[in-house]
Protein backbone atom coordinates (compact mmCIF):
# COMPACT_ATOMS: atom_id res chain seq x y z
CA UNK A 1 -67.34 207.71 179.51
CA UNK A 2 -68.85 211.19 179.15
CA UNK A 3 -71.00 212.42 176.10
CA UNK A 4 -70.07 215.45 174.16
CA UNK A 5 -72.87 216.96 172.28
CA UNK A 6 -72.87 218.11 168.28
CA UNK A 7 -72.11 221.87 169.40
CA UNK A 8 -68.18 221.58 170.30
CA UNK A 9 -65.78 223.91 168.74
CA UNK A 10 -61.88 223.07 167.61
CA UNK A 11 -59.00 224.45 169.74
CA UNK A 12 -55.36 223.73 169.08
CA UNK A 13 -53.90 223.14 172.12
CA UNK A 14 -50.02 223.42 171.70
CA UNK A 15 -47.82 220.84 173.58
CA UNK A 16 -45.08 223.29 174.29
CA UNK A 17 -42.74 220.60 172.81
CA UNK A 18 -41.17 221.77 169.80
CA UNK A 19 -43.19 219.85 166.46
CA UNK A 20 -45.93 218.29 168.59
CA UNK A 21 -49.32 220.15 168.13
CA UNK A 22 -52.46 218.27 169.32
CA UNK A 23 -56.08 219.33 168.65
CA UNK A 24 -58.56 218.85 171.03
CA UNK A 25 -62.61 219.50 171.38
CA UNK A 26 -63.92 221.55 173.85
CA UNK A 27 -67.39 220.51 175.03
CA UNK A 28 -70.03 223.44 176.36
CA UNK A 29 -69.25 222.14 179.70
CA UNK A 30 -65.67 222.69 179.32
CA UNK A 31 -64.69 218.88 179.27
CA UNK A 32 -61.82 218.30 176.93
CA UNK A 33 -61.59 215.39 174.40
CA UNK A 34 -59.31 214.68 171.65
CA UNK A 35 -59.86 214.73 168.13
CA UNK A 36 -58.06 211.05 168.19
CA UNK A 37 -60.98 209.51 170.34
CA UNK A 38 -63.27 209.17 167.19
CA UNK A 39 -65.85 206.50 168.35
CA UNK A 40 -63.70 205.75 171.42
CA UNK A 41 -60.93 206.92 173.73
CA UNK A 42 -56.92 208.09 172.94
CA UNK A 43 -54.96 205.31 172.77
CA UNK A 44 -50.92 204.29 173.11
CA UNK A 45 -51.31 204.27 169.32
CA UNK A 46 -51.85 207.16 169.11
CA UNK A 47 -48.59 208.94 171.00
CA UNK A 48 -46.40 210.78 168.95
CA UNK A 49 -42.68 209.06 168.03
CA UNK A 50 -40.93 210.74 171.19
CA UNK A 51 -42.72 210.66 174.36
CA UNK A 52 -42.52 212.47 177.36
CA UNK A 53 -44.16 210.76 180.55
CA UNK A 54 -44.84 212.88 183.67
CA UNK A 55 -43.53 210.93 186.58
CA UNK A 56 -45.71 210.96 189.45
CA UNK A 57 -47.31 214.15 187.41
CA UNK A 58 -44.00 215.93 187.38
CA UNK A 59 -42.64 215.18 190.74
CA UNK A 60 -40.42 218.49 190.71
CA UNK A 61 -43.26 220.57 189.32
CA UNK A 62 -46.32 219.52 191.22
CA UNK A 63 -47.36 217.57 194.14
CA UNK A 64 -46.78 214.17 193.15
CA UNK A 65 -49.49 211.60 192.67
CA UNK A 66 -51.93 214.67 193.71
CA UNK A 67 -54.71 215.53 191.49
CA UNK A 68 -53.94 219.25 191.34
CA UNK A 69 -50.61 218.13 190.19
CA UNK A 70 -52.02 215.80 187.44
CA UNK A 71 -54.48 218.36 186.04
CA UNK A 72 -51.80 220.99 186.12
CA UNK A 73 -49.37 218.42 184.00
CA UNK A 74 -52.12 217.94 181.86
CA UNK A 75 -53.07 221.38 181.23
CA UNK A 76 -49.93 222.26 180.52
CA UNK A 77 -49.36 219.96 177.51
CA UNK A 78 -46.02 219.05 178.42
CA UNK A 79 -46.01 215.48 178.54
CA UNK A 80 -48.60 212.93 176.96
CA UNK A 81 -48.77 210.31 179.15
CA UNK A 82 -49.14 211.32 183.02
CA UNK A 83 -48.15 208.43 185.29
CA UNK A 84 -49.22 207.62 188.66
CA UNK A 85 -48.74 204.88 191.49
CA UNK A 86 -51.43 202.79 192.61
CA UNK A 87 -51.95 200.96 196.28
CA UNK A 88 -54.56 198.85 197.82
CA UNK A 89 -56.57 199.84 200.72
CA UNK A 90 -57.90 197.10 203.45
CA UNK A 91 -61.08 197.29 201.58
CA UNK A 92 -60.38 196.59 198.33
CA UNK A 93 -60.51 200.67 197.57
CA UNK A 94 -57.26 201.73 194.70
CA UNK A 95 -55.78 204.55 195.94
CA UNK A 96 -52.95 207.20 193.94
CA UNK A 97 -50.08 206.53 196.49
CA UNK A 98 -46.13 205.75 196.00
CA UNK A 99 -44.81 204.65 199.28
CA UNK A 100 -46.49 201.83 201.21
CA UNK A 101 -46.85 204.34 204.16
CA UNK A 102 -48.23 207.83 204.52
CA UNK A 103 -45.06 209.33 206.40
CA UNK A 104 -43.24 210.92 203.47
CA UNK A 105 -46.00 212.70 201.45
CA UNK A 106 -48.72 213.38 203.79
CA UNK A 107 -49.76 214.98 207.11
CA UNK A 108 -50.34 211.35 208.57
CA UNK A 109 -48.22 208.63 209.15
CA UNK A 110 -48.45 204.32 209.28
CA UNK A 111 -49.47 201.93 206.27
CA UNK A 112 -51.33 202.67 203.79
CA UNK A 113 -53.29 199.27 203.37
CA UNK A 114 -54.28 199.09 207.24
CA UNK A 115 -56.83 202.48 205.80
CA UNK A 116 -59.79 201.65 204.12
CA UNK A 117 -62.22 204.07 201.91
CA UNK A 118 -63.74 206.30 205.32
CA UNK A 119 -59.99 206.31 206.66
CA UNK A 120 -58.75 207.70 202.99
CA UNK A 121 -61.12 210.72 203.18
CA UNK A 122 -58.92 212.23 205.94
CA UNK A 123 -55.51 212.00 204.55
CA UNK A 124 -53.96 215.20 203.33
CA UNK A 125 -51.02 215.23 201.12
CA UNK A 126 -48.32 217.49 202.36
CA UNK A 127 -46.72 219.57 199.37
CA UNK A 128 -42.85 219.81 199.18
CA UNK A 129 -41.78 223.35 200.66
CA UNK A 130 -39.19 223.07 197.45
CA UNK A 131 -41.94 222.92 194.63
CA UNK A 132 -42.02 226.14 192.27
CA UNK A 133 -45.72 227.86 193.29
CA UNK A 134 -48.07 227.84 195.79
CA UNK A 135 -50.02 224.51 196.73
CA UNK A 136 -53.03 223.53 198.85
CA UNK A 137 -53.04 220.83 200.98
CA UNK A 138 -55.60 218.06 199.31
CA UNK A 139 -56.81 214.29 199.55
CA UNK A 140 -54.75 212.25 197.66
CA UNK A 141 -56.98 210.70 194.92
CA UNK A 142 -58.38 207.23 194.34
CA UNK A 143 -57.92 205.54 190.92
CA UNK A 144 -61.68 205.80 190.38
CA UNK A 145 -61.43 209.48 190.38
CA UNK A 146 -58.41 209.55 188.20
CA UNK A 147 -59.44 207.13 185.63
CA UNK A 148 -62.66 208.79 185.68
CA UNK A 149 -61.29 212.66 184.92
CA UNK A 150 -58.61 211.81 182.47
CA UNK A 151 -59.50 208.32 181.07
CA UNK A 152 -59.53 208.06 177.26
CA UNK A 153 -58.41 211.86 177.01
CA UNK A 154 -54.59 211.23 177.60
CA UNK A 155 -52.34 208.02 178.27
CA UNK A 156 -51.97 206.81 181.86
CA UNK A 157 -49.22 204.64 183.04
CA UNK A 158 -50.58 203.02 186.47
CA UNK A 159 -47.27 201.15 188.38
CA UNK A 160 -48.84 198.65 190.61
CA UNK A 161 -47.08 198.74 193.51
CA UNK A 162 -49.30 195.80 195.22
CA UNK A 163 -48.98 193.10 192.55
CA UNK A 164 -52.20 191.63 194.63
CA UNK A 165 -54.20 194.44 193.51
CA UNK A 166 -53.79 193.23 189.56
CA UNK A 167 -57.18 191.80 188.99
CA UNK A 168 -58.82 194.62 190.83
CA UNK A 169 -57.18 197.01 188.40
CA UNK A 170 -57.91 194.96 185.55
CA UNK A 171 -61.25 195.47 185.98
CA UNK A 172 -61.54 199.09 186.75
CA UNK A 173 -59.56 199.87 183.50
CA UNK A 174 -61.94 197.14 181.42
CA UNK A 175 -65.07 198.60 182.74
CA UNK A 176 -64.29 202.11 181.16
CA UNK A 177 -63.16 200.53 178.05
CA UNK A 178 -59.15 201.76 178.48
CA UNK A 179 -57.40 198.48 177.82
CA UNK A 180 -55.67 200.67 175.03
CA UNK A 181 -55.32 203.76 176.88
CA UNK A 182 -53.54 202.87 180.65
CA UNK A 183 -49.94 200.96 180.91
CA UNK A 184 -49.95 198.99 183.92
CA UNK A 185 -46.25 199.01 184.88
CA UNK A 186 -44.09 197.12 187.07
CA UNK A 187 -40.44 195.85 187.89
CA UNK A 188 -41.43 191.88 187.95
CA UNK A 189 -41.45 190.30 184.46
CA UNK A 190 -44.12 187.76 185.85
CA UNK A 191 -46.25 190.64 186.97
CA UNK A 192 -45.74 192.15 183.14
CA UNK A 193 -46.66 188.71 181.78
CA UNK A 194 -49.94 188.57 184.30
CA UNK A 195 -50.78 192.18 182.74
CA UNK A 196 -50.34 191.06 179.23
CA UNK A 197 -52.37 187.53 179.80
CA UNK A 198 -55.35 189.75 181.32
CA UNK A 199 -55.35 191.82 178.16
CA UNK A 200 -53.71 195.20 179.30
CA UNK A 201 -51.03 196.79 178.13
CA UNK A 202 -47.66 195.96 180.24
CA UNK A 203 -44.89 197.88 180.97
CA UNK A 204 -41.76 196.50 182.83
CA UNK A 205 -39.24 198.85 184.59
CA UNK A 206 -35.54 197.80 185.40
CA UNK A 207 -32.80 199.39 187.34
CA UNK A 208 -29.29 200.33 185.71
CA UNK A 209 -27.94 197.07 187.97
CA UNK A 210 -30.71 194.81 186.74
CA UNK A 211 -29.88 196.04 183.12
CA UNK A 212 -25.97 194.57 183.30
CA UNK A 213 -27.71 190.89 183.42
CA UNK A 214 -30.95 191.36 181.59
CA UNK A 215 -31.99 189.57 178.27
CA UNK A 216 -34.97 192.17 177.52
CA UNK A 217 -35.44 190.09 173.95
CA UNK A 218 -37.19 187.54 175.89
CA UNK A 219 -39.82 189.51 177.35
CA UNK A 220 -40.88 190.74 173.43
CA UNK A 221 -43.97 188.81 173.31
CA UNK A 222 -45.48 190.38 176.49
CA UNK A 223 -44.05 193.82 177.09
CA UNK A 224 -45.49 196.95 175.41
CA UNK A 225 -43.15 199.13 176.65
CA UNK A 226 -39.89 198.76 178.35
CA UNK A 227 -38.56 201.33 180.88
CA UNK A 228 -35.12 201.64 181.21
CA UNK A 229 -32.93 203.42 183.85
CA UNK A 230 -31.32 206.37 181.90
CA UNK A 231 -28.01 205.38 184.43
CA UNK A 232 -27.36 202.29 182.48
CA UNK A 233 -24.46 202.07 180.32
CA UNK A 234 -24.51 202.45 176.83
CA UNK A 235 -24.49 198.76 175.76
CA UNK A 236 -27.18 198.09 177.83
CA UNK A 237 -29.54 200.82 177.12
CA UNK A 238 -28.71 199.74 173.35
CA UNK A 239 -29.56 196.25 174.17
CA UNK A 240 -32.74 197.15 174.82
CA UNK A 241 -33.37 199.29 172.45
CA UNK A 242 -32.42 196.36 170.26
CA UNK A 243 -34.59 193.78 171.69
CA UNK A 244 -37.61 194.06 169.53
CA UNK A 245 -39.68 195.42 172.09
CA UNK A 246 -42.37 198.52 170.36
CA UNK A 247 -41.35 201.26 172.90
CA UNK A 248 -38.58 201.80 174.96
CA UNK A 249 -38.58 205.00 177.23
CA UNK A 250 -35.58 205.93 180.02
CA UNK A 251 -36.75 206.69 183.27
CA UNK A 252 -36.22 209.07 185.31
CA UNK A 253 -34.64 211.79 183.49
CA UNK A 254 -34.61 215.52 184.56
CA UNK A 255 -31.89 217.16 182.69
CA UNK A 256 -31.54 218.02 178.95
CA UNK A 257 -28.60 216.13 178.76
CA UNK A 258 -29.69 213.00 180.42
CA UNK A 259 -32.59 213.07 177.78
CA UNK A 260 -30.32 213.84 174.70
CA UNK A 261 -28.39 210.78 175.73
CA UNK A 262 -31.25 208.53 175.98
CA UNK A 263 -32.63 209.70 172.64
CA UNK A 264 -29.17 209.55 170.92
CA UNK A 265 -28.78 205.83 172.27
CA UNK A 266 -32.33 204.85 170.71
CA UNK A 267 -34.82 205.33 172.95
CA UNK A 268 -37.97 206.85 171.74
CA UNK A 269 -39.45 208.29 175.40
CA UNK A 270 -38.58 209.64 178.29
CA UNK A 271 -40.00 209.57 181.78
CA UNK A 272 -39.13 212.67 183.76
CA UNK A 273 -39.89 214.62 186.84
CA UNK A 274 -39.90 217.91 185.42
CA UNK A 275 -41.61 217.95 181.93
CA UNK A 276 -41.87 221.57 181.88
CA UNK A 277 -38.41 221.88 181.93
CA UNK A 278 -37.66 219.66 179.10
CA UNK A 279 -40.24 221.26 177.22
CA UNK A 280 -38.63 224.44 177.42
CA UNK A 281 -35.46 222.96 175.78
CA UNK A 282 -36.55 220.49 173.39
CA UNK A 283 -34.91 221.46 170.14
CA UNK A 284 -31.65 223.18 171.46
CA UNK A 285 -28.50 221.17 171.40
CA UNK A 286 -27.28 220.90 174.69
CA UNK A 287 -23.50 221.53 174.68
CA UNK A 288 -21.50 218.23 174.49
CA UNK A 289 -24.26 215.99 173.10
CA UNK A 290 -24.30 212.29 173.78
CA UNK A 291 -24.09 210.32 170.77
CA UNK A 292 -24.30 206.37 170.48
CA UNK A 293 -21.55 205.28 171.55
CA UNK A 294 -20.02 207.45 174.06
CA UNK A 295 -19.14 205.89 177.47
CA UNK A 296 -19.97 206.87 181.12
CA UNK A 297 -23.53 207.83 181.65
CA UNK A 298 -23.76 210.85 183.89
CA UNK A 299 -25.43 210.54 187.25
């Protein structure tokens, strides 16, 4: 964890979301540390009532799971949580990558787990042509690089794509004192339970189909965030909200109408590929805004 001297000056960083303002300290070296740190890192308990998460850094606005994308999302301040996906290489190195193969997002091909740390140095991301702005190709980061750059400065959400990596992931989070600052996400209740037993913050995501038969109240003892599909039926979303799980966030939201429906049904956060777009429309009433009890989720 970086040290900060007494010669700090205070600045106000507007998040771009109406009503949400955070104060940060800027050190002489230019590093930013939230005032909420006190004697330690920013934690989940410091999050606002309604939370915006930049899914893969905001994959419709920046190159997904890239260091430049995560930095851009952090600096824009339009999300209070940065989401990323993790996989493990054959030598145990944890890296940031969504897919099991390199084919979709890089200039290379083949399985991620076939590489080691040295191989990873040669991987280069291929930014999507449809992204706004101009983006340079770059190496996808390791998890250690992301934790060291953002850990404690913003809440992180890490999806453990390889459940066998959980012990390694836990050790990295504990070593940096980030057990209350990093959410570990999975689609599997058993993995969420293991995460909780390791002393980490557990997040469980569920699809609209899974939510039809889920009984989320059973997970209340060990799930900190329930991550629900915004396309689910109204009654399934309401059941999740009423489960007693502390936080219920809807994924993957990309339009104001989708956000408004999820919040109206009781969700207290959204996970979005377009945090900048949603921030610009915060506080604006969407025509035909959804109300609790309405039927027929929009696609």
